[in-house]
Protein backbone atom coordinates (compact mmCIF):
# COMPACT_ATOMS: atom_id res chain seq x y z
CA MET A 1 -5.96 8.23 7.19
CA SER A 2 -3.24 7.16 9.61
CA VAL A 3 0.15 5.81 8.65
CA ILE A 4 1.45 3.00 10.86
CA SER A 5 5.08 2.90 11.94
CA PHE A 6 6.10 -0.73 11.54
CA ASP A 7 8.92 -0.28 14.06
CA LYS A 8 6.38 0.77 16.72
CA LEU A 9 4.04 -1.97 15.55
CA ARG A 10 6.69 -4.63 16.10
CA GLU A 11 7.59 -3.20 19.51
CA THR A 12 4.03 -3.31 20.81
CA ARG A 13 3.24 -6.67 19.15
CA GLU A 14 0.07 -5.20 17.66
CA ARG A 15 -1.14 -6.46 14.33
CA PRO A 16 -2.99 -4.61 11.55
CA ASP A 17 -6.72 -5.17 11.35
CA ALA A 18 -7.67 -8.11 9.12
CA GLN A 19 -8.88 -5.85 6.29
CA PHE A 20 -5.33 -4.53 5.88
CA VAL A 21 -3.66 -7.93 5.55
CA ARG A 22 -4.15 -10.51 2.79
CA LYS A 23 -2.47 -13.73 1.76
CA ASP A 24 -0.94 -14.09 -1.70
CA GLU A 25 -1.23 -17.23 -3.82
CA ASP A 26 1.67 -18.76 -1.87
CA GLY A 27 0.09 -18.01 1.51
CA GLN A 28 2.52 -15.17 2.34
CA ALA A 29 1.09 -12.14 4.15
CA ILE A 30 0.86 -8.92 2.14
CA TYR A 31 -0.01 -5.59 3.76
CA LEU A 32 -1.77 -2.39 2.69
CA PHE A 33 0.45 0.72 2.62
CA ALA A 34 -0.51 4.38 2.25
CA LEU A 35 1.30 6.60 -0.25
CA GLU A 36 1.21 10.39 -0.18
CA TYR A 37 2.09 12.92 -2.87
CA THR A 38 1.56 16.60 -3.57
CA MET A 39 0.14 18.12 -6.72
CA GLY A 40 0.05 21.89 -6.68
CA PRO A 41 -1.19 23.04 -3.28
CA SER A 42 -3.00 19.76 -2.53
CA VAL A 43 -1.86 16.58 -0.80
CA TRP A 44 -3.23 13.34 -2.26
CA ALA A 45 -3.07 9.71 -1.18
CA ALA A 46 -3.02 6.31 -2.83
CA LYS A 47 -2.63 2.78 -1.53
CA ILE A 48 -0.66 -0.28 -2.57
CA TRP A 49 -0.20 -3.83 -1.32
CA ALA A 50 3.35 -4.87 -0.42
CA TYR A 51 5.12 -7.57 1.59
CA SER A 52 7.09 -5.16 3.79
CA PHE A 53 8.02 -1.49 4.15
CA GLU A 54 11.12 -2.15 2.04
CA ASP A 55 9.01 -3.86 -0.64
CA ALA A 56 6.64 -0.86 -0.64
CA GLU A 57 9.61 1.47 -1.15
CA MET A 58 10.84 -0.65 -4.09
CA ARG A 59 7.35 -0.57 -5.63
CA VAL A 60 7.24 3.24 -5.32
CA LYS A 61 10.67 3.43 -6.99
CA ALA A 62 9.38 1.27 -9.85
CA MET A 63 6.33 3.54 -10.12
CA ARG A 64 8.55 6.60 -10.46
CA GLU A 65 10.24 4.92 -13.41
CA SER A 66 7.28 3.38 -15.21
CA LEU A 67 3.86 4.42 -13.86
CA THR A 68 1.22 5.14 -16.50
CA VAL A 69 -2.54 5.63 -16.62
CA CYS A 70 -4.31 2.54 -17.99
CA GLY A 71 -7.81 4.01 -18.06
CA GLN A 72 -10.78 5.09 -15.96
CA LEU A 73 -12.44 2.45 -13.76
CA HIS A 74 -16.19 2.01 -14.17
CA ALA A 75 -17.06 -1.06 -12.09
CA SER A 76 -15.66 -3.66 -9.74
CA ILE A 77 -16.67 -7.30 -9.47
CA ARG A 78 -15.96 -9.07 -6.20
CA GLY A 79 -14.73 -12.61 -6.68
């Protein structure tokens, strides 16, 4: 997995591939961000959708304060 520097991205005028950008219900672009954490000797990753790097940081802060396990996923239905 590669992490994109948005500063470099803006400088080169490149855009993320379409699969990493969505539109919300208001038509605003939302982007996929990678998260990384360590647990014991291992490094793990997760992903979240956010409107900007700053929004992603705020979401991680909120996770630190309130994240909980809801349950194990068994299936996914595409809409």
